[in-house]
């Protein structure tokens, strides 16, 4: 059975990168904060790119092993 992480995914849904930080993936969390923040800010007018980054963040926190 595949292990999933519901709490990290829930935390990442509200604060991107927090789920990865809770799982001990510190560099990935910092990457999400820096790159996701910059891309979200620069491409906020497209709405598609920031939403896609947010969705990937939640998916990664839910499925990626710690």
C-alpha atoms as a PDB file:
ATOM      1  CA  UNK A   1       0.000   0.000   0.000  1.00  0.00           C
ATOM      2  CA  UNK A   2       1.292   3.430  -0.954  1.00  0.00           C
ATOM      3  CA  UNK A   3       1.832   5.888   1.886  1.00  0.00           C
ATOM      4  CA  UNK A   4       0.204   9.279   1.510  1.00  0.00           C
ATOM      5  CA  UNK A   5       0.475  12.366   3.647  1.00  0.00           C
ATOM      6  CA  UNK A   6      -2.850  14.092   4.300  1.00  0.00           C
ATOM      7  CA  UNK A   7      -1.721  16.635   6.910  1.00  0.00           C
ATOM      8  CA  UNK A   8       1.246  17.955   4.869  1.00  0.00           C
ATOM      9  CA  UNK A   9      -1.045  18.280   1.837  1.00  0.00           C
ATOM     10  CA  UNK A  10      -3.614  20.183   3.877  1.00  0.00           C
ATOM     11  CA  UNK A  11      -0.952  22.514   5.253  1.00  0.00           C
ATOM     12  CA  UNK A  12       0.466  23.074   1.763  1.00  0.00           C
ATOM     13  CA  UNK A  13      -2.983  23.967   0.476  1.00  0.00           C
ATOM     14  CA  UNK A  14      -3.044  26.941   2.848  1.00  0.00           C
ATOM     15  CA  UNK A  15       0.678  27.799   2.943  1.00  0.00           C
ATOM     16  CA  UNK A  16       2.694  26.466  -0.016  1.00  0.00           C
ATOM     17  CA  UNK A  17       5.873  24.669   1.058  1.00  0.00           C
ATOM     18  CA  UNK A  18       4.787  24.045   4.639  1.00  0.00           C
ATOM     19  CA  UNK A  19       3.889  20.413   3.920  1.00  0.00           C
ATOM     20  CA  UNK A  20       7.344  19.767   2.493  1.00  0.00           C
ATOM     21  CA  UNK A  21       8.897  21.467   5.522  1.00  0.00           C
ATOM     22  CA  UNK A  22       6.866  19.286   7.921  1.00  0.00           C
ATOM     23  CA  UNK A  23       8.094  16.177   6.061  1.00  0.00           C
ATOM     24  CA  UNK A  24      11.710  17.324   6.432  1.00  0.00           C
ATOM     25  CA  UNK A  25      12.231  18.391   2.812  1.00  0.00           C
ATOM     26  CA  UNK A  26      13.758  21.737   3.752  1.00  0.00           C
ATOM     27  CA  UNK A  27      15.442  22.533   0.432  1.00  0.00           C
ATOM     28  CA  UNK A  28      12.278  21.743  -1.506  1.00  0.00           C
ATOM     29  CA  UNK A  29      10.270  24.020   0.805  1.00  0.00           C
ATOM     30  CA  UNK A  30      12.732  26.883   0.315  1.00  0.00           C
ATOM     31  CA  UNK A  31      12.655  26.287  -3.450  1.00  0.00           C
ATOM     32  CA  UNK A  32       8.845  26.470  -3.425  1.00  0.00           C
ATOM     33  CA  UNK A  33       8.912  29.696  -1.420  1.00  0.00           C
ATOM     34  CA  UNK A  34      11.488  31.422  -3.610  1.00  0.00           C
ATOM     35  CA  UNK A  35      10.592  30.203  -7.082  1.00  0.00           C
ATOM     36  CA  UNK A  36       6.867  29.853  -6.469  1.00  0.00           C
ATOM     37  CA  UNK A  37       6.697  33.322  -4.954  1.00  0.00           C
ATOM     38  CA  UNK A  38       8.638  34.925  -7.778  1.00  0.00           C
ATOM     39  CA  UNK A  39       6.717  33.129 -10.522  1.00  0.00           C
ATOM     40  CA  UNK A  40       3.409  33.752  -8.776  1.00  0.00           C
ATOM     41  CA  UNK A  41       4.204  37.445  -8.472  1.00  0.00           C
ATOM     42  CA  UNK A  42       5.507  37.902 -12.010  1.00  0.00           C
ATOM     43  CA  UNK A  43       2.831  35.797 -13.706  1.00  0.00           C
ATOM     44  CA  UNK A  44      -0.127  36.560 -11.446  1.00  0.00           C
ATOM     45  CA  UNK A  45      -1.964  38.105 -14.388  1.00  0.00           C
ATOM     46  CA  UNK A  46      -2.172  34.692 -16.069  1.00  0.00           C
ATOM     47  CA  UNK A  47      -3.817  32.983 -13.031  1.00  0.00           C
ATOM     48  CA  UNK A  48      -3.137  29.617 -14.704  1.00  0.00           C
ATOM     49  CA  UNK A  49       0.558  29.395 -13.799  1.00  0.00           C
ATOM     50  CA  UNK A  50       0.169  30.255 -10.088  1.00  0.00           C
ATOM     51  CA  UNK A  51      -2.763  27.831  -9.756  1.00  0.00           C
ATOM     52  CA  UNK A  52      -0.758  25.094 -11.489  1.00  0.00           C
ATOM     53  CA  UNK A  53       2.186  25.691  -9.117  1.00  0.00           C
ATOM     54  CA  UNK A  54      -0.141  25.586  -6.114  1.00  0.00           C
ATOM     55  CA  UNK A  55      -1.769  22.340  -7.326  1.00  0.00           C
ATOM     56  CA  UNK A  56       1.633  20.716  -7.894  1.00  0.00           C
ATOM     57  CA  UNK A  57       2.728  21.778  -4.407  1.00  0.00           C
ATOM     58  CA  UNK A  58      -0.290  20.123  -2.759  1.00  0.00           C
ATOM     59  CA  UNK A  59       0.086  16.979  -4.913  1.00  0.00           C
ATOM     60  CA  UNK A  60       3.781  16.722  -4.062  1.00  0.00           C
ATOM     61  CA  UNK A  61       3.150  17.143  -0.327  1.00  0.00           C
ATOM     62  CA  UNK A  62       0.509  14.384  -0.488  1.00  0.00           C
ATOM     63  CA  UNK A  63       2.391  11.794  -2.541  1.00  0.00           C
ATOM     64  CA  UNK A  64       6.158  12.328  -2.323  1.00  0.00           C
ATOM     65  CA  UNK A  65       7.781  10.205   0.406  1.00  0.00           C
ATOM     66  CA  UNK A  66       9.618  12.059   3.143  1.00  0.00           C
END
